[in-house]
PDB file of N, CA and C in Angstrom:
ATOM      1  N   MET A   1       2.899  -9.735  19.739  1.00  0.00           N
ATOM      2  CA  MET A   1       4.098  -9.921  19.042  1.00  0.00           C
ATOM      3  C   MET A   1       4.978  -9.743  20.197  1.00  0.00           C
ATOM      4  N   SER A   2       5.725 -10.501  20.462  1.00  0.00           N
ATOM      5  CA  SER A   2       7.157 -10.094  21.319  1.00  0.00           C
ATOM      6  C   SER A   2       8.050  -8.746  20.916  1.00  0.00           C
ATOM      7  N   ASP A   3       8.462  -8.275  21.918  1.00  0.00           N
ATOM      8  CA  ASP A   3       9.144  -7.054  21.733  1.00  0.00           C
ATOM      9  C   ASP A   3      10.383  -7.364  20.588  1.00  0.00           C
ATOM     10  N   GLN A   4      10.918  -8.573  20.645  1.00  0.00           N
ATOM     11  CA  GLN A   4      11.857  -8.824  20.107  1.00  0.00           C
ATOM     12  C   GLN A   4      11.745  -8.693  18.239  1.00  0.00           C
ATOM     13  N   VAL A   5      10.231  -9.446  18.272  1.00  0.00           N
ATOM     14  CA  VAL A   5       9.731  -9.447  16.614  1.00  0.00           C
ATOM     15  C   VAL A   5       9.664  -7.708  16.463  1.00  0.00           C
ATOM     16  N   MET A   6       8.743  -6.758  17.207  1.00  0.00           N
ATOM     17  CA  MET A   6       8.716  -5.760  16.849  1.00  0.00           C
ATOM     18  C   MET A   6       9.809  -5.084  16.904  1.00  0.00           C
ATOM     19  N   ARG A   7      11.070  -5.296  17.403  1.00  0.00           N
ATOM     20  CA  ARG A   7      12.422  -4.246  17.148  1.00  0.00           C
ATOM     21  C   ARG A   7      13.020  -4.823  16.349  1.00  0.00           C
ATOM     22  N   THR A   8      13.293  -5.966  15.653  1.00  0.00           N
ATOM     23  CA  THR A   8      14.252  -6.472  14.537  1.00  0.00           C
ATOM     24  C   THR A   8      13.265  -6.914  13.506  1.00  0.00           C
ATOM     25  N   GLY A   9      12.073  -7.377  13.331  1.00  0.00           N
ATOM     26  CA  GLY A   9      11.090  -7.728  12.203  1.00  0.00           C
ATOM     27  C   GLY A   9      10.862  -9.437  12.137  1.00  0.00           C
ATOM     28  N   LEU A  10      12.071 -10.105  12.722  1.00  0.00           N
ATOM     29  CA  LEU A  10      12.097 -11.560  12.787  1.00  0.00           C
ATOM     30  C   LEU A  10      12.564 -11.754  14.108  1.00  0.00           C
ATOM     31  N   THR A  11      12.270 -12.919  14.465  1.00  0.00           N
ATOM     32  CA  THR A  11      13.191 -13.748  15.658  1.00  0.00           C
ATOM     33  C   THR A  11      14.281 -13.842  15.102  1.00  0.00           C
ATOM     34  N   PHE A  12      15.358 -14.440  16.501  1.00  0.00           N
ATOM     35  CA  PHE A  12      16.606 -14.777  15.880  1.00  0.00           C
ATOM     36  C   PHE A  12      16.715 -16.447  15.409  1.00  0.00           C
ATOM     37  N   ASN A  13      15.586 -17.026  15.788  1.00  0.00           N
ATOM     38  CA  ASN A  13      15.407 -18.280  15.109  1.00  0.00           C
ATOM     39  C   ASN A  13      14.956 -18.239  13.496  1.00  0.00           C
ATOM     40  N   SER A  14      14.132 -17.309  13.268  1.00  0.00           N
ATOM     41  CA  SER A  14      13.632 -16.866  12.012  1.00  0.00           C
ATOM     42  C   SER A  14      14.628 -16.580  11.026  1.00  0.00           C
ATOM     43  N   ARG A  15      15.624 -15.661  11.710  1.00  0.00           N
ATOM     44  CA  ARG A  15      16.584 -15.511  10.824  1.00  0.00           C
ATOM     45  C   ARG A  15      17.517 -16.326  10.393  1.00  0.00           C
ATOM     46  N   LYS A  16      17.874 -17.229  11.110  1.00  0.00           N
ATOM     47  CA  LYS A  16      18.710 -18.495  11.232  1.00  0.00           C
ATOM     48  C   LYS A  16      18.025 -19.466  10.334  1.00  0.00           C
ATOM     49  N   ALA A  17      17.046 -19.742  10.189  1.00  0.00           N
ATOM     50  CA  ALA A  17      16.370 -20.575   9.510  1.00  0.00           C
ATOM     51  C   ALA A  17      16.499 -20.141   7.637  1.00  0.00           C
ATOM     52  N   LEU A  18      16.274 -19.119   7.837  1.00  0.00           N
ATOM     53  CA  LEU A  18      16.309 -17.609   6.406  1.00  0.00           C
ATOM     54  C   LEU A  18      17.719 -18.139   5.830  1.00  0.00           C
ATOM     55  N   MET A  19      18.743 -17.893   6.827  1.00  0.00           N
ATOM     56  CA  MET A  19      20.169 -18.267   6.488  1.00  0.00           C
ATOM     57  C   MET A  19      20.749 -19.770   5.601  1.00  0.00           C
ATOM     58  N   ASN A  20      19.842 -20.512   6.804  1.00  0.00           N
ATOM     59  CA  ASN A  20      20.512 -21.930   6.579  1.00  0.00           C
ATOM     60  C   ASN A  20      19.577 -22.239   5.177  1.00  0.00           C
ATOM     61  N   ASN A  21      18.641 -21.888   5.025  1.00  0.00           N
ATOM     62  CA  ASN A  21      17.848 -22.604   3.803  1.00  0.00           C
ATOM     63  C   ASN A  21      18.236 -21.506   2.167  1.00  0.00           C
ATOM     64  N   ILE A  22      18.654 -20.505   2.454  1.00  0.00           N
ATOM     65  CA  ILE A  22      18.686 -19.240   1.169  1.00  0.00           C
ATOM     66  C   ILE A  22      19.803 -18.879   1.510  1.00  0.00           C
ATOM     67  N   GLY A  23      20.922 -19.154   2.206  1.00  0.00           N
ATOM     68  CA  GLY A  23      22.461 -18.581   2.154  1.00  0.00           C
ATOM     69  C   GLY A  23      22.520 -17.672   3.182  1.00  0.00           C
ATOM     70  N   GLU A  24      23.893 -17.102   3.626  1.00  0.00           N
ATOM     71  CA  GLU A  24      23.809 -16.107   4.583  1.00  0.00           C
ATOM     72  C   GLU A  24      23.426 -14.470   3.855  1.00  0.00           C
ATOM     73  N   ALA A  25      24.100 -14.470   2.755  1.00  0.00           N
ATOM     74  CA  ALA A  25      24.049 -13.387   2.316  1.00  0.00           C
ATOM     75  C   ALA A  25      22.339 -12.656   1.853  1.00  0.00           C
ATOM     76  N   ALA A  26      21.561 -13.970   1.213  1.00  0.00           N
ATOM     77  CA  ALA A  26      20.362 -13.625   0.784  1.00  0.00           C
ATOM     78  C   ALA A  26      19.722 -13.676   1.933  1.00  0.00           C
ATOM     79  N   GLY A  27      19.512 -14.530   2.806  1.00  0.00           N
ATOM     80  CA  GLY A  27      18.684 -14.484   4.226  1.00  0.00           C
ATOM     81  C   GLY A  27      19.127 -13.205   5.185  1.00  0.00           C
ATOM     82  N   THR A  28      20.213 -12.607   5.040  1.00  0.00           N
ATOM     83  CA  THR A  28      20.670 -11.209   5.847  1.00  0.00           C
ATOM     84  C   THR A  28      19.543 -10.479   5.077  1.00  0.00           C
ATOM     85  N   GLU A  29      19.691 -10.150   3.980  1.00  0.00           N
ATOM     86  CA  GLU A  29      19.224  -8.850   3.033  1.00  0.00           C
ATOM     87  C   GLU A  29      17.718  -9.134   3.218  1.00  0.00           C
ATOM     88  N   ILE A  30      17.287 -10.625   3.021  1.00  0.00           N
ATOM     89  CA  ILE A  30      15.779 -10.332   3.408  1.00  0.00           C
ATOM     90  C   ILE A  30      15.074 -10.217   4.623  1.00  0.00           C
ATOM     91  N   ALA A  31      15.837 -10.814   5.707  1.00  0.00           N
ATOM     92  CA  ALA A  31      15.743 -10.192   7.122  1.00  0.00           C
ATOM     93  C   ALA A  31      15.837  -8.362   7.271  1.00  0.00           C
ATOM     94  N   ASN A  32      16.568  -8.331   6.793  1.00  0.00           N
ATOM     95  CA  ASN A  32      17.055  -7.130   7.138  1.00  0.00           C
ATOM     96  C   ASN A  32      16.038  -6.160   6.395  1.00  0.00           C
ATOM     97  N   LEU A  33      15.117  -6.257   5.208  1.00  0.00           N
ATOM     98  CA  LEU A  33      14.296  -5.588   4.330  1.00  0.00           C
ATOM     99  C   LEU A  33      13.010  -5.842   5.630  1.00  0.00           C
ATOM    100  N   ILE A  34      12.839  -6.946   5.766  1.00  0.00           N
ATOM    101  CA  ILE A  34      11.644  -7.190   6.642  1.00  0.00           C
ATOM    102  C   ILE A  34      11.340  -6.172   8.061  1.00  0.00           C
ATOM    103  N   ALA A  35      12.676  -6.240   8.412  1.00  0.00           N
ATOM    104  CA  ALA A  35      12.913  -5.329   9.568  1.00  0.00           C
ATOM    105  C   ALA A  35      12.490  -3.934   9.501  1.00  0.00           C
ATOM    106  N   GLU A  36      12.827  -3.309   7.909  1.00  0.00           N
ATOM    107  CA  GLU A  36      12.790  -2.224   7.502  1.00  0.00           C
ATOM    108  C   GLU A  36      11.331  -1.858   7.551  1.00  0.00           C
ATOM    109  N   MET A  37      11.040  -2.709   6.842  1.00  0.00           N
ATOM    110  CA  MET A  37       9.640  -2.816   6.311  1.00  0.00           C
ATOM    111  C   MET A  37       8.445  -2.851   7.839  1.00  0.00           C
ATOM    112  N   ALA A  38       8.795  -3.674   8.494  1.00  0.00           N
ATOM    113  CA  ALA A  38       7.927  -3.554   9.646  1.00  0.00           C
ATOM    114  C   ALA A  38       8.392  -2.065  10.654  1.00  0.00           C
ATOM    115  N   ALA A  39       9.323  -1.536  10.792  1.00  0.00           N
ATOM    116  CA  ALA A  39       9.590  -0.458  11.337  1.00  0.00           C
ATOM    117  C   ALA A  39       8.608   0.679  10.409  1.00  0.00           C
ATOM    118  N   GLU A  40       8.855   0.664   9.469  1.00  0.00           N
ATOM    119  CA  GLU A  40       8.170   1.527   8.336  1.00  0.00           C
ATOM    120  C   GLU A  40       6.293   1.329   8.828  1.00  0.00           C
ATOM    121  N   ILE A  41       5.946   0.066   8.715  1.00  0.00           N
ATOM    122  CA  ILE A  41       4.322  -0.021   9.036  1.00  0.00           C
ATOM    123  C   ILE A  41       4.073   0.416  10.742  1.00  0.00           C
ATOM    124  N   GLU A  42       5.296   0.323  11.521  1.00  0.00           N
ATOM    125  CA  GLU A  42       4.701   0.773  12.899  1.00  0.00           C
ATOM    126  C   GLU A  42       5.028   2.178  12.734  1.00  0.00           C
ATOM    127  N   GLU A  43       5.746   2.710  12.094  1.00  0.00           N
ATOM    128  CA  GLU A  43       5.501   4.608  12.194  1.00  0.00           C
ATOM    129  C   GLU A  43       4.529   4.962  11.586  1.00  0.00           C
ATOM    130  N   LEU A  44       3.799   3.833  10.138  1.00  0.00           N
ATOM    131  CA  LEU A  44       2.649   4.617   9.658  1.00  0.00           C
ATOM    132  C   LEU A  44       1.536   4.017  10.634  1.00  0.00           C
ATOM    133  N   ARG A  45       1.428   3.240  12.002  1.00  0.00           N
ATOM    134  CA  ARG A  45       0.362   3.073  12.580  1.00  0.00           C
ATOM    135  C   ARG A  45       0.119   3.874  13.669  1.00  0.00           C
ATOM    136  N   ARG A  46       1.810   4.481  14.152  1.00  0.00           N
ATOM    137  CA  ARG A  46       1.826   5.469  14.872  1.00  0.00           C
ATOM    138  C   ARG A  46       1.338   6.953  14.483  1.00  0.00           C
ATOM    139  N   THR A  47       1.280   7.235  12.778  1.00  0.00           N
ATOM    140  CA  THR A  47       1.407   8.590  12.592  1.00  0.00           C
ATOM    141  C   THR A  47      -0.178   8.528  11.951  1.00  0.00           C
ATOM    142  N   LYS A  48      -1.058   7.846  11.995  1.00  0.00           N
ATOM    143  CA  LYS A  48      -2.429   7.187  11.175  1.00  0.00           C
ATOM    144  C   LYS A  48      -3.278   8.306  11.445  1.00  0.00           C
ATOM    145  N   VAL A  49      -3.690   9.273  10.886  1.00  0.00           N
ATOM    146  CA  VAL A  49      -5.292  10.115  10.846  1.00  0.00           C
ATOM    147  C   VAL A  49      -5.857   9.785  10.126  1.00  0.00           C
ATOM    148  N   SER A  50      -7.238   9.925  11.279  1.00  0.00           N
ATOM    149  CA  SER A  50      -8.752   9.500  10.897  1.00  0.00           C
ATOM    150  C   SER A  50      -9.174  10.567   9.830  1.00  0.00           C
ATOM    151  N   VAL A  51      -9.590  10.406   8.770  1.00  0.00           N
ATOM    152  CA  VAL A  51     -10.506  11.268   7.671  1.00  0.00           C
ATOM    153  C   VAL A  51     -11.822  10.923   8.145  1.00  0.00           C
ATOM    154  N   THR A  52     -12.679  11.891   8.076  1.00  0.00           N
ATOM    155  CA  THR A  52     -14.096  12.132   8.339  1.00  0.00           C
ATOM    156  C   THR A  52     -14.470  12.924   6.883  1.00  0.00           C
ATOM    157  N   ARG A  53     -15.400  12.398   6.195  1.00  0.00           N
ATOM    158  CA  ARG A  53     -15.731  12.603   5.230  1.00  0.00           C
ATOM    159  C   ARG A  53     -16.763  13.730   4.971  1.00  0.00           C
ATOM    160  N   ILE A  54     -17.009  14.788   4.674  1.00  0.00           N
ATOM    161  CA  ILE A  54     -17.747  16.354   4.872  1.00  0.00           C
ATOM    162  C   ILE A  54     -18.946  16.195   3.913  1.00  0.00           C
ATOM    163  N   VAL A  55     -18.602  15.448   2.914  1.00  0.00           N
ATOM    164  CA  VAL A  55     -19.650  15.436   1.095  1.00  0.00           C
ATOM    165  C   VAL A  55     -20.122  14.225   1.898  1.00  0.00           C
ATOM    166  N   PRO A  56     -21.745  13.454   2.032  1.00  0.00           N
ATOM    167  CA  PRO A  56     -22.355  12.924   2.435  1.00  0.00           C
ATOM    168  C   PRO A  56     -22.297  11.661   1.057  1.00  0.00           C
ATOM    169  N   ALA A  57     -22.057  10.643   1.967  1.00  0.00           N
ATOM    170  CA  ALA A  57     -21.485   9.309   1.040  1.00  0.00           C
ATOM    171  C   ALA A  57     -22.247   8.912   0.079  1.00  0.00           C
ATOM    172  N   ASN A  58     -23.525   9.210  -0.343  1.00  0.00           N
ATOM    173  CA  ASN A  58     -24.605   9.296  -1.705  1.00  0.00           C
ATOM    174  C   ASN A  58     -23.960  10.134  -2.486  1.00  0.00           C
ATOM    175  N   ASP A  59     -23.634  11.193  -2.083  1.00  0.00           N
ATOM    176  CA  ASP A  59     -23.187  12.363  -3.215  1.00  0.00           C
ATOM    177  C   ASP A  59     -21.615  12.112  -3.657  1.00  0.00           C
ATOM    178  N   PRO A  60     -21.666  12.394  -5.013  1.00  0.00           N
ATOM    179  CA  PRO A  60     -20.355  12.074  -5.556  1.00  0.00           C
ATOM    180  C   PRO A  60     -19.231  13.327  -5.250  1.00  0.00           C
ATOM    181  N   ALA A  61     -18.140  13.090  -5.243  1.00  0.00           N
ATOM    182  CA  ALA A  61     -17.478  14.319  -4.743  1.00  0.00           C
ATOM    183  C   ALA A  61     -17.393  15.108  -6.073  1.00  0.00           C
ATOM    184  N   PRO A  62     -16.990  16.085  -6.005  1.00  0.00           N
ATOM    185  CA  PRO A  62     -17.110  17.320  -6.972  1.00  0.00           C
ATOM    186  C   PRO A  62     -15.527  17.111  -7.958  1.00  0.00           C
ATOM    187  N   ARG A  63     -15.991  17.301  -9.054  1.00  0.00           N
ATOM    188  CA  ARG A  63     -14.679  17.305  -9.995  1.00  0.00           C
ATOM    189  C   ARG A  63     -13.940  18.698 -10.163  1.00  0.00           C
ATOM    190  N   ILE A  64     -12.584  18.221 -10.192  1.00  0.00           N
ATOM    191  CA  ILE A  64     -11.925  19.323 -10.140  1.00  0.00           C
ATOM    192  C   ILE A  64     -11.614  20.034 -11.440  1.00  0.00           C
ATOM    193  N   ARG A  65     -11.581  20.725 -11.796  1.00  0.00           N
ATOM    194  CA  ARG A  65     -11.108  20.557 -13.538  1.00  0.00           C
ATOM    195  C   ARG A  65      -9.732  21.807 -13.443  1.00  0.00           C
ATOM    196  N   ASP A  66      -9.028  21.029 -14.070  1.00  0.00           N
ATOM    197  CA  ASP A  66      -7.702  21.853 -14.401  1.00  0.00           C
ATOM    198  C   ASP A  66      -7.537  23.235 -15.269  1.00  0.00           C
ATOM    199  N   LYS A  67      -6.711  23.910 -15.526  1.00  0.00           N
ATOM    200  CA  LYS A  67      -6.942  25.263 -16.403  1.00  0.00           C
ATOM    201  C   LYS A  67      -7.475  24.956 -17.786  1.00  0.00           C
ATOM    202  N   ALA A  68      -7.160  23.882 -18.099  1.00  0.00           N
ATOM    203  CA  ALA A  68      -7.692  23.344 -19.731  1.00  0.00           C
ATOM    204  C   ALA A  68      -8.966  22.896 -19.667  1.00  0.00           C
ATOM    205  N   GLY A  69      -9.817  23.095 -18.453  1.00  0.00           N
ATOM    206  CA  GLY A  69     -10.826  22.664 -18.541  1.00  0.00           C
ATOM    207  C   GLY A  69     -11.567  21.228 -18.419  1.00  0.00           C
ATOM    208  N   VAL A  70     -10.545  20.268 -18.391  1.00  0.00           N
ATOM    209  CA  VAL A  70     -10.558  18.791 -18.475  1.00  0.00           C
ATOM    210  C   VAL A  70     -10.715  18.390 -17.223  1.00  0.00           C
TER     211      VAL A  70
END
């Protein structure tokens, strides 16, 4: 992906096409939402951690009971 797509979520041409087809206000709103989602996804990718199972895969995970014993 290009730097512009990663920075804004959409290229200028994509934003312009959106605004021309569905209106400026709605197009801007959707483009901004996509940009926010792209930033959130990038943040999740950067902070992702690997999880290693301690219990063997064929053993069911132990159940934790609450105070009521359920």
